[in-house]
Amino acid sequence: MKKKSTNKRLFLIAGYSAQKIVDTGLIYMLQAMSEHGDTVLVMDSDVPQSELNKISKYVLHASAKKHGEYDFGSYKRAYT
């Protein structure tokens, strides 16, 4: 995972992938956001760790497990 930023911003991102992948659009967004603060990504999908490894250098934390609570469930998990 990314080293904690000295910037005071924290971005909480909720995600979903029906294909169970981390696509290039998400990678690009997280890369851009990582320049401005720390990012925590929680996905309501069973995305394999091999896919999450694609973004490990851009996020402080990333997890992906089907919880069925949609975006608010992901935000809840990201915050706690």
PDB file of N, CA and C in Angstrom:
ATOM      1  N   MET A   1       0.825  -1.187   0.000  1.00  0.00           N
ATOM      2  CA  MET A   1       0.000   0.000   0.000  1.00  0.00           C
ATOM      3  C   MET A   1       0.872   1.255   0.000  1.00  0.00           C
ATOM      4  N   LYS A   2       0.271   2.323  -0.399  1.00  0.00           N
ATOM      5  CA  LYS A   2       0.938   3.612  -0.495  1.00  0.00           C
ATOM      6  C   LYS A   2       1.348   4.114   0.888  1.00  0.00           C
ATOM      7  N   LYS A   3       2.473   4.783   0.958  1.00  0.00           N
ATOM      8  CA  LYS A   3       2.909   5.420   2.193  1.00  0.00           C
ATOM      9  C   LYS A   3       1.974   6.586   2.488  1.00  0.00           C
ATOM     10  N   LYS A   4       1.669   6.801   3.758  1.00  0.00           N
ATOM     11  CA  LYS A   4       0.765   7.870   4.157  1.00  0.00           C
ATOM     12  C   LYS A   4       1.291   9.215   3.682  1.00  0.00           C
ATOM     13  N   SER A   5       0.402  10.014   3.116  1.00  0.00           N
ATOM     14  CA  SER A   5       0.744  11.323   2.575  1.00  0.00           C
ATOM     15  C   SER A   5       0.887  12.345   3.694  1.00  0.00           C
ATOM     16  N   THR A   6       1.678  13.378   3.452  1.00  0.00           N
ATOM     17  CA  THR A   6       1.770  14.484   4.402  1.00  0.00           C
ATOM     18  C   THR A   6       0.637  15.476   4.166  1.00  0.00           C
ATOM     19  N   ASN A   7      -0.077  15.307   3.067  1.00  0.00           N
ATOM     20  CA  ASN A   7      -1.227  16.141   2.752  1.00  0.00           C
ATOM     21  C   ASN A   7      -2.363  15.790   3.713  1.00  0.00           C
ATOM     22  N   LYS A   8      -3.172  16.742   4.085  1.00  0.00           N
ATOM     23  CA  LYS A   8      -4.222  16.531   5.080  1.00  0.00           C
ATOM     24  C   LYS A   8      -5.539  16.020   4.488  1.00  0.00           C
ATOM     25  N   ARG A   9      -5.587  15.714   3.202  1.00  0.00           N
ATOM     26  CA  ARG A   9      -6.833  15.260   2.589  1.00  0.00           C
ATOM     27  C   ARG A   9      -6.957  13.739   2.667  1.00  0.00           C
ATOM     28  N   LEU A  10      -8.189  13.283   2.901  1.00  0.00           N
ATOM     29  CA  LEU A  10      -8.498  11.863   2.873  1.00  0.00           C
ATOM     30  C   LEU A  10      -9.713  11.670   1.979  1.00  0.00           C
ATOM     31  N   PHE A  11      -9.565  10.857   0.950  1.00  0.00           N
ATOM     32  CA  PHE A  11     -10.651  10.568   0.022  1.00  0.00           C
ATOM     33  C   PHE A  11     -11.192   9.173   0.313  1.00  0.00           C
ATOM     34  N   LEU A  12     -12.497   9.070   0.531  1.00  0.00           N
ATOM     35  CA  LEU A  12     -13.161   7.786   0.718  1.00  0.00           C
ATOM     36  C   LEU A  12     -13.923   7.484  -0.564  1.00  0.00           C
ATOM     37  N   ILE A  13     -13.586   6.382  -1.216  1.00  0.00           N
ATOM     38  CA  ILE A  13     -14.169   6.041  -2.505  1.00  0.00           C
ATOM     39  C   ILE A  13     -14.948   4.729  -2.380  1.00  0.00           C
ATOM     40  N   ALA A  14     -16.196   4.746  -2.852  1.00  0.00           N
ATOM     41  CA  ALA A  14     -17.012   3.540  -2.933  1.00  0.00           C
ATOM     42  C   ALA A  14     -17.006   3.066  -4.372  1.00  0.00           C
ATOM     43  N   GLY A  15     -16.892   1.770  -4.561  1.00  0.00           N
ATOM     44  CA  GLY A  15     -16.849   1.250  -5.922  1.00  0.00           C
ATOM     45  C   GLY A  15     -17.614  -0.048  -6.075  1.00  0.00           C
ATOM     46  N   TYR A  16     -17.830  -0.406  -7.340  1.00  0.00           N
ATOM     47  CA  TYR A  16     -18.499  -1.653  -7.698  1.00  0.00           C
ATOM     48  C   TYR A  16     -17.980  -2.101  -9.054  1.00  0.00           C
ATOM     49  N   SER A  17     -17.808  -3.377  -9.228  1.00  0.00           N
ATOM     50  CA  SER A  17     -17.404  -3.917 -10.523  1.00  0.00           C
ATOM     51  C   SER A  17     -18.129  -5.233 -10.767  1.00  0.00           C
ATOM     52  N   ALA A  18     -19.050  -5.231 -11.713  1.00  0.00           N
ATOM     53  CA  ALA A  18     -19.781  -6.452 -12.062  1.00  0.00           C
ATOM     54  C   ALA A  18     -18.838  -7.500 -12.646  1.00  0.00           C
ATOM     55  N   GLN A  19     -17.769  -7.035 -13.309  1.00  0.00           N
ATOM     56  CA  GLN A  19     -16.802  -7.946 -13.916  1.00  0.00           C
ATOM     57  C   GLN A  19     -15.715  -8.395 -12.934  1.00  0.00           C
ATOM     58  N   LYS A  20     -15.754  -7.851 -11.716  1.00  0.00           N
ATOM     59  CA  LYS A  20     -14.771  -8.187 -10.670  1.00  0.00           C
ATOM     60  C   LYS A  20     -13.349  -7.850 -11.092  1.00  0.00           C
ATOM     61  N   ILE A  21     -13.203  -6.645 -11.654  1.00  0.00           N
ATOM     62  CA  ILE A  21     -11.887  -6.167 -12.088  1.00  0.00           C
ATOM     63  C   ILE A  21     -11.680  -4.732 -11.617  1.00  0.00           C
ATOM     64  N   VAL A  22     -10.436  -4.305 -11.647  1.00  0.00           N
ATOM     65  CA  VAL A  22     -10.079  -2.900 -11.453  1.00  0.00           C
ATOM     66  C   VAL A  22      -9.729  -2.387 -12.844  1.00  0.00           C
ATOM     67  N   ASP A  23     -10.616  -1.571 -13.421  1.00  0.00           N
ATOM     68  CA  ASP A  23     -10.395  -1.140 -14.806  1.00  0.00           C
ATOM     69  C   ASP A  23      -9.484   0.082 -14.890  1.00  0.00           C
ATOM     70  N   THR A  24      -9.084   0.406 -16.105  1.00  0.00           N
ATOM     71  CA  THR A  24      -8.117   1.491 -16.314  1.00  0.00           C
ATOM     72  C   THR A  24      -8.653   2.847 -15.872  1.00  0.00           C
ATOM     73  N   GLY A  25      -9.957   3.059 -15.977  1.00  0.00           N
ATOM     74  CA  GLY A  25     -10.537   4.325 -15.532  1.00  0.00           C
ATOM     75  C   GLY A  25     -10.373   4.533 -14.037  1.00  0.00           C
ATOM     76  N   LEU A  26     -10.600   3.473 -13.268  1.00  0.00           N
ATOM     77  CA  LEU A  26     -10.429   3.550 -11.816  1.00  0.00           C
ATOM     78  C   LEU A  26      -8.961   3.756 -11.458  1.00  0.00           C
ATOM     79  N   ILE A  27      -8.080   3.066 -12.148  1.00  0.00           N
ATOM     80  CA  ILE A  27      -6.643   3.235 -11.900  1.00  0.00           C
ATOM     81  C   ILE A  27      -6.232   4.674 -12.163  1.00  0.00           C
ATOM     82  N   TYR A  28      -6.673   5.230 -13.271  1.00  0.00           N
ATOM     83  CA  TYR A  28      -6.339   6.612 -13.624  1.00  0.00           C
ATOM     84  C   TYR A  28      -6.857   7.588 -12.570  1.00  0.00           C
ATOM     85  N   MET A  29      -8.116   7.399 -12.126  1.00  0.00           N
ATOM     86  CA  MET A  29      -8.698   8.291 -11.126  1.00  0.00           C
ATOM     87  C   MET A  29      -7.919   8.220  -9.810  1.00  0.00           C
ATOM     88  N   LEU A  30      -7.604   7.016  -9.356  1.00  0.00           N
ATOM     89  CA  LEU A  30      -6.881   6.861  -8.096  1.00  0.00           C
ATOM     90  C   LEU A  30      -5.466   7.409  -8.181  1.00  0.00           C
ATOM     91  N   GLN A  31      -4.846   7.246  -9.326  1.00  0.00           N
ATOM     92  CA  GLN A  31      -3.504   7.804  -9.528  1.00  0.00           C
ATOM     93  C   GLN A  31      -3.541   9.324  -9.408  1.00  0.00           C
ATOM     94  N   ALA A  32      -4.513   9.958 -10.048  1.00  0.00           N
ATOM     95  CA  ALA A  32      -4.636  11.417  -9.990  1.00  0.00           C
ATOM     96  C   ALA A  32      -4.959  11.889  -8.574  1.00  0.00           C
ATOM     97  N   MET A  33      -5.842  11.183  -7.886  1.00  0.00           N
ATOM     98  CA  MET A  33      -6.219  11.583  -6.530  1.00  0.00           C
ATOM     99  C   MET A  33      -5.068  11.401  -5.552  1.00  0.00           C
ATOM    100  N   SER A  34      -4.218  10.419  -5.785  1.00  0.00           N
ATOM    101  CA  SER A  34      -3.116  10.143  -4.858  1.00  0.00           C
ATOM    102  C   SER A  34      -2.128  11.300  -4.777  1.00  0.00           C
ATOM    103  N   GLU A  35      -2.129  12.147  -5.777  1.00  0.00           N
ATOM    104  CA  GLU A  35      -1.245  13.313  -5.767  1.00  0.00           C
ATOM    105  C   GLU A  35      -1.753  14.415  -4.841  1.00  0.00           C
ATOM    106  N   HIS A  36      -3.005  14.285  -4.379  1.00  0.00           N
ATOM    107  CA  HIS A  36      -3.626  15.337  -3.576  1.00  0.00           C
ATOM    108  C   HIS A  36      -4.005  14.894  -2.169  1.00  0.00           C
ATOM    109  N   GLY A  37      -3.767  13.638  -1.831  1.00  0.00           N
ATOM    110  CA  GLY A  37      -4.085  13.157  -0.494  1.00  0.00           C
ATOM    111  C   GLY A  37      -4.121  11.644  -0.444  1.00  0.00           C
ATOM    112  N   ASP A  38      -4.554  11.125   0.684  1.00  0.00           N
ATOM    113  CA  ASP A  38      -4.662   9.682   0.883  1.00  0.00           C
ATOM    114  C   ASP A  38      -6.031   9.200   0.414  1.00  0.00           C
ATOM    115  N   THR A  39      -6.073   7.984  -0.103  1.00  0.00           N
ATOM    116  CA  THR A  39      -7.313   7.436  -0.639  1.00  0.00           C
ATOM    117  C   THR A  39      -7.586   6.069  -0.033  1.00  0.00           C
ATOM    118  N   VAL A  40      -8.836   5.868   0.356  1.00  0.00           N
ATOM    119  CA  VAL A  40      -9.316   4.574   0.826  1.00  0.00           C
ATOM    120  C   VAL A  40     -10.417   4.139  -0.135  1.00  0.00           C
ATOM    121  N   LEU A  41     -10.273   2.958  -0.718  1.00  0.00           N
ATOM    122  CA  LEU A  41     -11.252   2.417  -1.662  1.00  0.00           C
ATOM    123  C   LEU A  41     -11.884   1.169  -1.073  1.00  0.00           C
ATOM    124  N   VAL A  42     -13.222   1.140  -1.040  1.00  0.00           N
ATOM    125  CA  VAL A  42     -13.955  -0.050  -0.623  1.00  0.00           C
ATOM    126  C   VAL A  42     -14.963  -0.366  -1.718  1.00  0.00           C
ATOM    127  N   MET A  43     -14.931  -1.614  -2.184  1.00  0.00           N
ATOM    128  CA  MET A  43     -15.811  -2.032  -3.269  1.00  0.00           C
ATOM    129  C   MET A  43     -16.820  -3.067  -2.777  1.00  0.00           C
ATOM    130  N   ASP A  44     -18.057  -2.950  -3.257  1.00  0.00           N
ATOM    131  CA  ASP A  44     -19.123  -3.908  -2.962  1.00  0.00           C
ATOM    132  C   ASP A  44     -19.121  -4.981  -4.050  1.00  0.00           C
ATOM    133  N   SER A  45     -17.980  -5.634  -4.206  1.00  0.00           N
ATOM    134  CA  SER A  45     -17.773  -6.677  -5.215  1.00  0.00           C
ATOM    135  C   SER A  45     -16.686  -7.613  -4.706  1.00  0.00           C
ATOM    136  N   ASP A  46     -16.752  -8.845  -5.123  1.00  0.00           N
ATOM    137  CA  ASP A  46     -15.702  -9.802  -4.768  1.00  0.00           C
ATOM    138  C   ASP A  46     -14.572  -9.730  -5.788  1.00  0.00           C
ATOM    139  N   VAL A  47     -13.818  -8.651  -5.730  1.00  0.00           N
ATOM    140  CA  VAL A  47     -12.687  -8.446  -6.639  1.00  0.00           C
ATOM    141  C   VAL A  47     -11.474  -9.162  -6.048  1.00  0.00           C
ATOM    142  N   PRO A  48     -10.785  -9.984  -6.835  1.00  0.00           N
ATOM    143  CA  PRO A  48      -9.624 -10.709  -6.303  1.00  0.00           C
ATOM    144  C   PRO A  48      -8.463  -9.783  -5.929  1.00  0.00           C
ATOM    145  N   GLN A  49      -7.652 -10.243  -5.003  1.00  0.00           N
ATOM    146  CA  GLN A  49      -6.504  -9.466  -4.541  1.00  0.00           C
ATOM    147  C   GLN A  49      -5.560  -9.130  -5.689  1.00  0.00           C
ATOM    148  N   SER A  50      -5.450 -10.005  -6.664  1.00  0.00           N
ATOM    149  CA  SER A  50      -4.573  -9.737  -7.814  1.00  0.00           C
ATOM    150  C   SER A  50      -5.006  -8.483  -8.565  1.00  0.00           C
ATOM    151  N   GLU A  51      -6.307  -8.197  -8.590  1.00  0.00           N
ATOM    152  CA  GLU A  51      -6.805  -6.974  -9.217  1.00  0.00           C
ATOM    153  C   GLU A  51      -6.522  -5.762  -8.323  1.00  0.00           C
ATOM    154  N   LEU A  52      -6.726  -5.912  -7.020  1.00  0.00           N
ATOM    155  CA  LEU A  52      -6.470  -4.802  -6.092  1.00  0.00           C
ATOM    156  C   LEU A  52      -4.992  -4.429  -6.066  1.00  0.00           C
ATOM    157  N   ASN A  53      -4.131  -5.376  -6.352  1.00  0.00           N
ATOM    158  CA  ASN A  53      -2.693  -5.087  -6.387  1.00  0.00           C
ATOM    159  C   ASN A  53      -2.347  -4.056  -7.453  1.00  0.00           C
ATOM    160  N   LYS A  54      -3.177  -3.924  -8.479  1.00  0.00           N
ATOM    161  CA  LYS A  54      -2.945  -2.936  -9.542  1.00  0.00           C
ATOM    162  C   LYS A  54      -2.965  -1.505  -9.007  1.00  0.00           C
ATOM    163  N   ILE A  55      -3.681  -1.279  -7.896  1.00  0.00           N
ATOM    164  CA  ILE A  55      -3.839   0.080  -7.372  1.00  0.00           C
ATOM    165  C   ILE A  55      -3.123   0.293  -6.047  1.00  0.00           C
ATOM    166  N   SER A  56      -2.401  -0.701  -5.577  1.00  0.00           N
ATOM    167  CA  SER A  56      -1.803  -0.625  -4.240  1.00  0.00           C
ATOM    168  C   SER A  56      -0.865   0.562  -4.063  1.00  0.00           C
ATOM    169  N   LYS A  57      -0.205   0.997  -5.122  1.00  0.00           N
ATOM    170  CA  LYS A  57       0.719   2.128  -4.976  1.00  0.00           C
ATOM    171  C   LYS A  57       0.005   3.478  -4.947  1.00  0.00           C
ATOM    172  N   TYR A  58      -1.308   3.484  -5.177  1.00  0.00           N
ATOM    173  CA  TYR A  58      -2.063   4.738  -5.200  1.00  0.00           C
ATOM    174  C   TYR A  58      -3.000   4.914  -4.011  1.00  0.00           C
ATOM    175  N   VAL A  59      -3.220   3.859  -3.223  1.00  0.00           N
ATOM    176  CA  VAL A  59      -4.201   3.935  -2.139  1.00  0.00           C
ATOM    177  C   VAL A  59      -3.571   3.613  -0.790  1.00  0.00           C
ATOM    178  N   LEU A  60      -4.134   4.191   0.231  1.00  0.00           N
ATOM    179  CA  LEU A  60      -3.725   3.884   1.598  1.00  0.00           C
ATOM    180  C   LEU A  60      -4.292   2.523   2.008  1.00  0.00           C
ATOM    181  N   HIS A  61      -5.518   2.240   1.547  1.00  0.00           N
ATOM    182  CA  HIS A  61      -6.184   0.966   1.837  1.00  0.00           C
ATOM    183  C   HIS A  61      -7.180   0.668   0.724  1.00  0.00           C
ATOM    184  N   ALA A  62      -7.289  -0.593   0.355  1.00  0.00           N
ATOM    185  CA  ALA A  62      -8.300  -1.032  -0.615  1.00  0.00           C
ATOM    186  C   ALA A  62      -8.839  -2.382  -0.179  1.00  0.00           C
ATOM    187  N   SER A  63     -10.158  -2.516  -0.233  1.00  0.00           N
ATOM    188  CA  SER A  63     -10.774  -3.809   0.055  1.00  0.00           C
ATOM    189  C   SER A  63     -11.955  -4.003  -0.885  1.00  0.00           C
ATOM    190  N   ALA A  64     -12.253  -5.255  -1.151  1.00  0.00           N
ATOM    191  CA  ALA A  64     -13.348  -5.577  -2.060  1.00  0.00           C
ATOM    192  C   ALA A  64     -14.002  -6.872  -1.611  1.00  0.00           C
ATOM    193  N   LYS A  65     -15.204  -6.731  -1.091  1.00  0.00           N
ATOM    194  CA  LYS A  65     -15.982  -7.886  -0.659  1.00  0.00           C
ATOM    195  C   LYS A  65     -17.453  -7.543  -0.832  1.00  0.00           C
ATOM    196  N   LYS A  66     -18.202  -8.478  -1.371  1.00  0.00           N
ATOM    197  CA  LYS A  66     -19.635  -8.260  -1.570  1.00  0.00           C
ATOM    198  C   LYS A  66     -20.314  -8.153  -0.211  1.00  0.00           C
ATOM    199  N   HIS A  67     -20.920  -6.974   0.063  1.00  0.00           N
ATOM    200  CA  HIS A  67     -21.624  -6.790   1.330  1.00  0.00           C
ATOM    201  C   HIS A  67     -23.090  -6.446   1.115  1.00  0.00           C
ATOM    202  N   GLY A  68     -23.483  -6.088  -0.095  1.00  0.00           N
ATOM    203  CA  GLY A  68     -24.889  -5.859  -0.414  1.00  0.00           C
ATOM    204  C   GLY A  68     -25.481  -4.577   0.127  1.00  0.00           C
ATOM    205  N   GLU A  69     -24.653  -3.674   0.632  1.00  0.00           N
ATOM    206  CA  GLU A  69     -25.149  -2.414   1.185  1.00  0.00           C
ATOM    207  C   GLU A  69     -24.868  -1.227   0.266  1.00  0.00           C
ATOM    208  N   TYR A  70     -24.467  -1.519  -0.957  1.00  0.00           N
ATOM    209  CA  TYR A  70     -24.234  -0.506  -1.986  1.00  0.00           C
ATOM    210  C   TYR A  70     -23.218   0.544  -1.529  1.00  0.00           C
ATOM    211  N   ASP A  71     -23.317   1.762  -2.057  1.00  0.00           N
ATOM    212  CA  ASP A  71     -22.313   2.794  -1.774  1.00  0.00           C
ATOM    213  C   ASP A  71     -22.228   3.150  -0.292  1.00  0.00           C
ATOM    214  N   PHE A  72     -23.383   3.296   0.373  1.00  0.00           N
ATOM    215  CA  PHE A  72     -23.337   3.697   1.777  1.00  0.00           C
ATOM    216  C   PHE A  72     -22.656   2.640   2.643  1.00  0.00           C
ATOM    217  N   GLY A  73     -22.830   1.380   2.312  1.00  0.00           N
ATOM    218  CA  GLY A  73     -22.121   0.320   3.028  1.00  0.00           C
ATOM    219  C   GLY A  73     -20.620   0.397   2.808  1.00  0.00           C
ATOM    220  N   SER A  74     -20.230   0.762   1.595  1.00  0.00           N
ATOM    221  CA  SER A  74     -18.801   0.917   1.301  1.00  0.00           C
ATOM    222  C   SER A  74     -18.225   2.115   2.044  1.00  0.00           C
ATOM    223  N   TYR A  75     -18.964   3.231   2.055  1.00  0.00           N
ATOM    224  CA  TYR A  75     -18.489   4.407   2.793  1.00  0.00           C
ATOM    225  C   TYR A  75     -18.376   4.103   4.282  1.00  0.00           C
ATOM    226  N   LYS A  76     -19.345   3.362   4.816  1.00  0.00           N
ATOM    227  CA  LYS A  76     -19.311   2.989   6.235  1.00  0.00           C
ATOM    228  C   LYS A  76     -18.050   2.181   6.541  1.00  0.00           C
ATOM    229  N   ARG A  77     -17.728   1.236   5.685  1.00  0.00           N
ATOM    230  CA  ARG A  77     -16.541   0.416   5.891  1.00  0.00           C
ATOM    231  C   ARG A  77     -15.255   1.215   5.699  1.00  0.00           C
ATOM    232  N   ALA A  78     -15.272   2.155   4.781  1.00  0.00           N
ATOM    233  CA  ALA A  78     -14.084   2.993   4.542  1.00  0.00           C
ATOM    234  C   ALA A  78     -13.814   3.903   5.733  1.00  0.00           C
ATOM    235  N   TYR A  79     -14.872   4.383   6.357  1.00  0.00           N
ATOM    236  CA  TYR A  79     -14.736   5.326   7.464  1.00  0.00           C
ATOM    237  C   TYR A  79     -14.284   4.636   8.750  1.00  0.00           C
ATOM    238  N   THR A  80     -14.666   3.380   8.932  1.00  0.00           N
ATOM    239  CA  THR A  80     -14.349   2.697  10.195  1.00  0.00           C
ATOM    240  C   THR A  80     -13.090   1.890  10.156  1.00  0.00           C
TER     241      THR A  80
END
